[in-house]
Amino acid sequence: FNASKCKVLHVGQKNPCCNFTLIGGQLAVAEVERDPGIIVDGSLKFHRQAAAAAAKANQILGIVRRSFANLTAQSLPLLYKSLIRPHLEYGNRIWGPMFIGDQKRIERVQRRATKLVTEIRSMTYSQRLKHLNLPSLTYRRLRGDMIQLYQMFHGTIDVDRNLLQLSSIGCTRGHKFKLNKPRARSLPRRHFFTVRAVNNWN
């Protein structure tokens, strides 16, 4: 390890914030770090990541708006899904916005994008989405969680299955892959993937 490139990030409210040394030198303390491509801070609330994702997506949206004189209901979805939406959804399983303000900030980018088609600008947001055949980002996050759990159960991705605990309560309704929901007191823990996705999965 190169000690000059290593830092300490103290996570959690009850963290004692100890000092750490490596190869005889004390490691610097970081309030926020990007790893890998996701901005992580000590509170694990990801406000900065949501702001950065929205800012990057808005920047590209502006370039698209200036580069194309006439965006249609056929061309906009192609540009949006290939150039803009990936920035809003990168690493969603980890940081997907848990606060209403961050959720609105992310969704606002897609709301702006749908208004670039002149003939549907006067419609409501839900009507514009239906016309462009685009789901809301909230729906896509929920759908992504379900796909991820399905892949974990069926072994199509290499992940520790011990993260999931099958429910021991027998029930004739539903399906055989129902999960126990872990106890979670703090907000970041309640938003952790294997906690937040359980209710919808069951």
C-alpha atoms as a PDB file:
ATOM      1  CA  PHE A   1       0.000   0.000   0.000  1.00  0.00           C
ATOM      2  CA  ASN A   2       1.078   3.558  -0.673  1.00  0.00           C
ATOM      3  CA  ALA A   3       0.398   5.333   2.634  1.00  0.00           C
ATOM      4  CA  SER A   4       0.224   8.744   0.961  1.00  0.00           C
ATOM      5  CA  LYS A   5      -2.738   7.547  -1.143  1.00  0.00           C
ATOM      6  CA  CYS A   6      -4.654   5.953   1.748  1.00  0.00           C
ATOM      7  CA  LYS A   7      -7.249   7.761   3.849  1.00  0.00           C
ATOM      8  CA  VAL A   8      -9.635   6.981   6.692  1.00  0.00           C
ATOM      9  CA  LEU A   9     -13.395   7.513   6.397  1.00  0.00           C
ATOM     10  CA  HIS A  10     -15.215   7.350   9.724  1.00  0.00           C
ATOM     11  CA  VAL A  11     -18.703   5.893   9.211  1.00  0.00           C
ATOM     12  CA  GLY A  12     -21.549   6.079  11.733  1.00  0.00           C
ATOM     13  CA  GLN A  13     -22.674   8.460  14.467  1.00  0.00           C
ATOM     14  CA  LYS A  14     -21.141   6.382  17.275  1.00  0.00           C
ATOM     15  CA  ASN A  15     -17.813   5.900  15.551  1.00  0.00           C
ATOM     16  CA  PRO A  16     -14.963   6.608  18.032  1.00  0.00           C
ATOM     17  CA  CYS A  17     -12.966   8.209  15.175  1.00  0.00           C
ATOM     18  CA  CYS A  18      -9.662   6.612  16.097  1.00  0.00           C
ATOM     19  CA  ASN A  19      -6.408   7.570  14.428  1.00  0.00           C
ATOM     20  CA  PHE A  20      -4.811   4.975  12.158  1.00  0.00           C
ATOM     21  CA  THR A  21      -1.211   4.601  11.054  1.00  0.00           C
ATOM     22  CA  LEU A  22       0.265   2.759   8.082  1.00  0.00           C
ATOM     23  CA  ILE A  23       3.981   2.153   7.551  1.00  0.00           C
ATOM     24  CA  GLY A  24       4.787   4.510  10.398  1.00  0.00           C
ATOM     25  CA  GLY A  25       2.682   7.445   9.158  1.00  0.00           C
ATOM     26  CA  GLN A  26      -0.704   8.632  10.366  1.00  0.00           C
ATOM     27  CA  LEU A  27      -3.406   8.355   7.731  1.00  0.00           C
ATOM     28  CA  ALA A  28      -5.349  11.446   6.717  1.00  0.00           C
ATOM     29  CA  VAL A  29      -9.041  11.616   7.568  1.00  0.00           C
ATOM     30  CA  ALA A  30     -11.485  12.142   4.689  1.00  0.00           C
ATOM     31  CA  GLU A  31     -15.016  13.484   5.080  1.00  0.00           C
ATOM     32  CA  VAL A  32     -16.059  12.142   1.698  1.00  0.00           C
ATOM     33  CA  GLU A  33     -14.564   9.744  -0.851  1.00  0.00           C
ATOM     34  CA  ARG A  34     -15.468   8.547  -4.340  1.00  0.00           C
ATOM     35  CA  ASP A  35     -15.370   4.764  -4.624  1.00  0.00           C
ATOM     36  CA  PRO A  36     -15.830   3.489  -7.340  1.00  0.00           C
ATOM     37  CA  GLY A  37     -17.541   6.455  -8.928  1.00  0.00           C
ATOM     38  CA  ILE A  38     -19.978   6.802  -6.002  1.00  0.00           C
ATOM     39  CA  ILE A  39     -19.533   9.637  -3.499  1.00  0.00           C
ATOM     40  CA  VAL A  40     -19.566   8.180   0.017  1.00  0.00           C
ATOM     41  CA  ASP A  41     -19.591  10.215   3.240  1.00  0.00           C
ATOM     42  CA  GLY A  42     -19.567   9.226   6.899  1.00  0.00           C
ATOM     43  CA  SER A  43     -23.351   9.482   7.296  1.00  0.00           C
ATOM     44  CA  LEU A  44     -24.092   7.143   4.337  1.00  0.00           C
ATOM     45  CA  LYS A  45     -26.993   9.378   3.274  1.00  0.00           C
ATOM     46  CA  PHE A  46     -25.620  10.037  -0.233  1.00  0.00           C
ATOM     47  CA  HIS A  47     -26.877  13.621  -0.612  1.00  0.00           C
ATOM     48  CA  ARG A  48     -23.714  14.561  -2.483  1.00  0.00           C
ATOM     49  CA  GLN A  49     -23.983  11.580  -4.809  1.00  0.00           C
ATOM     50  CA  ALA A  50     -27.572  12.505  -5.723  1.00  0.00           C
ATOM     51  CA  ALA A  51     -26.545  16.111  -6.369  1.00  0.00           C
ATOM     52  CA  ALA A  52     -23.545  15.076  -8.465  1.00  0.00           C
ATOM     53  CA  ALA A  53     -25.576  12.596 -10.531  1.00  0.00           C
ATOM     54  CA  ALA A  54     -28.294  15.187 -11.207  1.00  0.00           C
ATOM     55  CA  ALA A  55     -25.718  17.854 -12.093  1.00  0.00           C
ATOM     56  CA  LYS A  56     -23.912  15.584 -14.567  1.00  0.00           C
ATOM     57  CA  ALA A  57     -27.183  14.456 -16.161  1.00  0.00           C
ATOM     58  CA  ASN A  58     -28.418  18.057 -16.430  1.00  0.00           C
ATOM     59  CA  GLN A  59     -25.148  19.044 -18.088  1.00  0.00           C
ATOM     60  CA  ILE A  60     -25.550  16.381 -20.769  1.00  0.00           C
ATOM     61  CA  LEU A  61     -29.242  17.237 -21.139  1.00  0.00           C
ATOM     62  CA  GLY A  62     -28.223  20.816 -21.905  1.00  0.00           C
ATOM     63  CA  ILE A  63     -25.797  19.610 -24.576  1.00  0.00           C
ATOM     64  CA  VAL A  64     -28.547  17.495 -26.159  1.00  0.00           C
ATOM     65  CA  ARG A  65     -30.969  20.443 -26.137  1.00  0.00           C
ATOM     66  CA  ARG A  66     -28.422  22.718 -27.835  1.00  0.00           C
ATOM     67  CA  SER A  67     -27.300  20.105 -30.361  1.00  0.00           C
ATOM     68  CA  PHE A  68     -30.688  19.065 -31.730  1.00  0.00           C
ATOM     69  CA  ALA A  69     -33.065  21.649 -33.197  1.00  0.00           C
ATOM     70  CA  ASN A  70     -36.097  19.359 -33.231  1.00  0.00           C
ATOM     71  CA  LEU A  71     -36.405  16.443 -30.823  1.00  0.00           C
ATOM     72  CA  THR A  72     -39.260  14.035 -31.542  1.00  0.00           C
ATOM     73  CA  ALA A  73     -41.035  11.366 -29.501  1.00  0.00           C
ATOM     74  CA  GLN A  74     -38.852   8.820 -31.323  1.00  0.00           C
ATOM     75  CA  SER A  75     -35.441  10.483 -31.048  1.00  0.00           C
ATOM     76  CA  LEU A  76     -35.599  11.840 -27.481  1.00  0.00           C
ATOM     77  CA  PRO A  77     -36.044   8.474 -25.700  1.00  0.00           C
ATOM     78  CA  LEU A  78     -33.056   7.056 -27.595  1.00  0.00           C
ATOM     79  CA  LEU A  79     -30.815   9.967 -26.622  1.00  0.00           C
ATOM     80  CA  TYR A  80     -32.100  10.098 -23.059  1.00  0.00           C
ATOM     81  CA  LYS A  81     -31.699   6.371 -22.379  1.00  0.00           C
ATOM     82  CA  SER A  82     -28.211   6.188 -23.880  1.00  0.00           C
ATOM     83  CA  LEU A  83     -26.648   9.474 -22.711  1.00  0.00           C
ATOM     84  CA  ILE A  84     -28.510  10.812 -19.663  1.00  0.00           C
ATOM     85  CA  ARG A  85     -30.293   8.122 -17.682  1.00  0.00           C
ATOM     86  CA  PRO A  86     -27.172   5.986 -17.040  1.00  0.00           C
ATOM     87  CA  HIS A  87     -25.733   8.840 -14.923  1.00  0.00           C
ATOM     88  CA  LEU A  88     -28.899   8.933 -12.808  1.00  0.00           C
ATOM     89  CA  GLU A  89     -28.917   5.177 -12.232  1.00  0.00           C
ATOM     90  CA  TYR A  90     -25.253   4.241 -11.870  1.00  0.00           C
ATOM     91  CA  GLY A  91     -24.824   2.265  -8.637  1.00  0.00           C
ATOM     92  CA  ASN A  92     -28.500   2.538  -7.669  1.00  0.00           C
ATOM     93  CA  ARG A  93     -28.397  -0.684  -5.650  1.00  0.00           C
ATOM     94  CA  ILE A  94     -25.938   1.069  -3.323  1.00  0.00           C
ATOM     95  CA  TRP A  95     -26.949   4.712  -3.106  1.00  0.00           C
ATOM     96  CA  GLY A  96     -30.497   4.896  -4.565  1.00  0.00           C
ATOM     97  CA  PRO A  97     -31.916   8.112  -3.030  1.00  0.00           C
ATOM     98  CA  MET A  98     -33.638   7.513   0.313  1.00  0.00           C
ATOM     99  CA  PHE A  99     -34.742  11.115   0.941  1.00  0.00           C
ATOM    100  CA  ILE A 100     -37.717  12.688  -0.816  1.00  0.00           C
ATOM    101  CA  GLY A 101     -35.666  15.763  -1.713  1.00  0.00           C
ATOM    102  CA  ASP A 102     -32.997  13.654  -3.426  1.00  0.00           C
ATOM    103  CA  GLN A 103     -35.642  11.563  -5.189  1.00  0.00           C
ATOM    104  CA  LYS A 104     -37.283  14.704  -6.552  1.00  0.00           C
ATOM    105  CA  ARG A 105     -33.917  16.099  -7.628  1.00  0.00           C
ATOM    106  CA  ILE A 106     -33.170  12.961  -9.645  1.00  0.00           C
ATOM    107  CA  GLU A 107     -36.681  12.702 -11.100  1.00  0.00           C
ATOM    108  CA  ARG A 108     -36.602  16.400 -12.039  1.00  0.00           C
ATOM    109  CA  VAL A 109     -33.939  15.679 -14.650  1.00  0.00           C
ATOM    110  CA  GLN A 110     -36.219  13.226 -16.442  1.00  0.00           C
ATOM    111  CA  ARG A 111     -39.117  15.660 -16.060  1.00  0.00           C
ATOM    112  CA  ARG A 112     -37.060  18.333 -17.853  1.00  0.00           C
ATOM    113  CA  ALA A 113     -36.015  15.894 -20.559  1.00  0.00           C
ATOM    114  CA  THR A 114     -39.611  14.976 -21.442  1.00  0.00           C
ATOM    115  CA  LYS A 115     -40.412  18.665 -22.005  1.00  0.00           C
ATOM    116  CA  LEU A 116     -37.922  18.861 -24.880  1.00  0.00           C
ATOM    117  CA  VAL A 117     -40.526  17.328 -27.204  1.00  0.00           C
ATOM    118  CA  THR A 118     -42.561  20.371 -28.248  1.00  0.00           C
ATOM    119  CA  GLU A 119     -45.859  18.666 -29.071  1.00  0.00           C
ATOM    120  CA  ILE A 120     -46.245  17.078 -25.615  1.00  0.00           C
ATOM    121  CA  ARG A 121     -44.833  19.915 -23.492  1.00  0.00           C
ATOM    122  CA  SER A 122     -48.293  20.969 -22.259  1.00  0.00           C
ATOM    123  CA  MET A 123     -49.146  17.465 -20.987  1.00  0.00           C
ATOM    124  CA  THR A 124     -48.676  16.373 -17.378  1.00  0.00           C
ATOM    125  CA  TYR A 125     -45.493  14.506 -16.451  1.00  0.00           C
ATOM    126  CA  SER A 126     -47.249  11.115 -16.261  1.00  0.00           C
ATOM    127  CA  GLN A 127     -48.855  11.710 -19.651  1.00  0.00           C
ATOM    128  CA  ARG A 128     -45.501  12.657 -21.187  1.00  0.00           C
ATOM    129  CA  LEU A 129     -43.925   9.493 -19.800  1.00  0.00           C
ATOM    130  CA  LYS A 130     -46.718   7.367 -21.247  1.00  0.00           C
ATOM    131  CA  HIS A 131     -46.424   9.086 -24.625  1.00  0.00           C
ATOM    132  CA  LEU A 132     -42.644   8.508 -24.714  1.00  0.00           C
ATOM    133  CA  ASN A 133     -42.948   4.982 -23.293  1.00  0.00           C
ATOM    134  CA  LEU A 134     -40.650   5.828 -20.376  1.00  0.00           C
ATOM    135  CA  PRO A 135     -41.185   4.605 -16.786  1.00  0.00           C
ATOM    136  CA  SER A 136     -40.516   6.866 -13.818  1.00  0.00           C
ATOM    137  CA  LEU A 137     -37.101   6.555 -12.182  1.00  0.00           C
ATOM    138  CA  THR A 138     -38.781   5.540  -8.909  1.00  0.00           C
ATOM    139  CA  TYR A 139     -40.398   2.585 -10.654  1.00  0.00           C
ATOM    140  CA  ARG A 140     -37.108   1.619 -12.307  1.00  0.00           C
ATOM    141  CA  ARG A 141     -35.342   1.559  -8.920  1.00  0.00           C
ATOM    142  CA  LEU A 142     -37.988  -0.781  -7.483  1.00  0.00           C
ATOM    143  CA  ARG A 143     -37.847  -2.978 -10.578  1.00  0.00           C
ATOM    144  CA  GLY A 144     -34.055  -3.050 -10.417  1.00  0.00           C
ATOM    145  CA  ASP A 145     -34.157  -4.241  -6.799  1.00  0.00           C
ATOM    146  CA  MET A 146     -36.471  -7.112  -7.743  1.00  0.00           C
ATOM    147  CA  ILE A 147     -34.284  -8.141 -10.677  1.00  0.00           C
ATOM    148  CA  GLN A 148     -31.205  -8.075  -8.437  1.00  0.00           C
ATOM    149  CA  LEU A 149     -32.863 -10.331  -5.836  1.00  0.00           C
ATOM    150  CA  TYR A 150     -34.041 -12.725  -8.529  1.00  0.00           C
ATOM    151  CA  GLN A 151     -30.491 -12.986  -9.891  1.00  0.00           C
ATOM    152  CA  MET A 152     -29.108 -13.569  -6.395  1.00  0.00           C
ATOM    153  CA  PHE A 153     -31.574 -16.404  -5.773  1.00  0.00           C
ATOM    154  CA  HIS A 154     -30.984 -18.107  -9.110  1.00  0.00           C
ATOM    155  CA  GLY A 155     -27.201 -17.833  -9.115  1.00  0.00           C
ATOM    156  CA  THR A 156     -26.801 -15.686 -12.216  1.00  0.00           C
ATOM    157  CA  ILE A 157     -24.532 -13.297 -10.289  1.00  0.00           C
ATOM    158  CA  ASP A 158     -21.699 -14.224  -7.942  1.00  0.00           C
ATOM    159  CA  VAL A 159     -22.712 -12.895  -4.524  1.00  0.00           C
ATOM    160  CA  ASP A 160     -22.781 -14.190  -0.966  1.00  0.00           C
ATOM    161  CA  ARG A 161     -26.166 -15.872  -0.484  1.00  0.00           C
ATOM    162  CA  ASN A 162     -25.806 -15.450   3.291  1.00  0.00           C
ATOM    163  CA  LEU A 163     -26.955 -11.861   2.789  1.00  0.00           C
ATOM    164  CA  LEU A 164     -30.454 -13.323   2.312  1.00  0.00           C
ATOM    165  CA  GLN A 165     -32.332 -15.357   4.892  1.00  0.00           C
ATOM    166  CA  LEU A 166     -35.385 -17.298   3.786  1.00  0.00           C
ATOM    167  CA  SER A 167     -38.466 -16.915   5.954  1.00  0.00           C
ATOM    168  CA  SER A 168     -39.156 -19.888   8.235  1.00  0.00           C
ATOM    169  CA  ILE A 169     -42.854 -19.061   8.474  1.00  0.00           C
ATOM    170  CA  GLY A 170     -44.859 -21.442   6.321  1.00  0.00           C
ATOM    171  CA  CYS A 171     -47.468 -19.739   4.184  1.00  0.00           C
ATOM    172  CA  THR A 172     -49.643 -21.044   1.376  1.00  0.00           C
ATOM    173  CA  ARG A 173     -49.821 -17.632  -0.309  1.00  0.00           C
ATOM    174  CA  GLY A 174     -47.137 -16.026  -2.427  1.00  0.00           C
ATOM    175  CA  HIS A 175     -43.936 -17.872  -3.316  1.00  0.00           C
ATOM    176  CA  LYS A 176     -41.321 -20.087  -1.690  1.00  0.00           C
ATOM    177  CA  PHE A 177     -38.551 -17.479  -1.780  1.00  0.00           C
ATOM    178  CA  LYS A 178     -39.983 -15.150   0.865  1.00  0.00           C
ATOM    179  CA  LEU A 179     -37.346 -13.474   3.042  1.00  0.00           C
ATOM    180  CA  ASN A 180     -36.972 -12.517   6.663  1.00  0.00           C
ATOM    181  CA  LYS A 181     -36.574  -8.775   7.051  1.00  0.00           C
ATOM    182  CA  PRO A 182     -33.535  -7.894   9.199  1.00  0.00           C
ATOM    183  CA  ARG A 183     -33.989  -5.468  12.076  1.00  0.00           C
ATOM    184  CA  ALA A 184     -32.863  -1.962  11.226  1.00  0.00           C
ATOM    185  CA  ARG A 185     -33.003   1.114  13.466  1.00  0.00           C
ATOM    186  CA  SER A 186     -30.992   3.726  11.617  1.00  0.00           C
ATOM    187  CA  LEU A 187     -32.165   5.241   8.353  1.00  0.00           C
ATOM    188  CA  PRO A 188     -29.088   4.161   6.333  1.00  0.00           C
ATOM    189  CA  ARG A 189     -29.528   0.603   7.576  1.00  0.00           C
ATOM    190  CA  ARG A 190     -33.253   0.597   6.728  1.00  0.00           C
ATOM    191  CA  HIS A 191     -32.304   1.713   3.232  1.00  0.00           C
ATOM    192  CA  PHE A 192     -29.676  -1.017   2.798  1.00  0.00           C
ATOM    193  CA  PHE A 193     -30.505  -3.187  -0.221  1.00  0.00           C
ATOM    194  CA  THR A 194     -31.250  -6.441   1.629  1.00  0.00           C
ATOM    195  CA  VAL A 195     -33.584  -4.567   4.015  1.00  0.00           C
ATOM    196  CA  ARG A 196     -35.450  -2.133   1.762  1.00  0.00           C
ATOM    197  CA  ALA A 197     -36.200  -4.682  -0.959  1.00  0.00           C
ATOM    198  CA  VAL A 198     -37.704  -7.387   1.286  1.00  0.00           C
ATOM    199  CA  ASN A 199     -41.282  -6.085   1.521  1.00  0.00           C
ATOM    200  CA  ASN A 200     -41.689  -5.648  -2.215  1.00  0.00           C
ATOM    201  CA  TRP A 201     -40.014  -8.984  -2.904  1.00  0.00           C
ATOM    202  CA  ASN A 202     -42.284 -10.864  -0.479  1.00  0.00           C
END
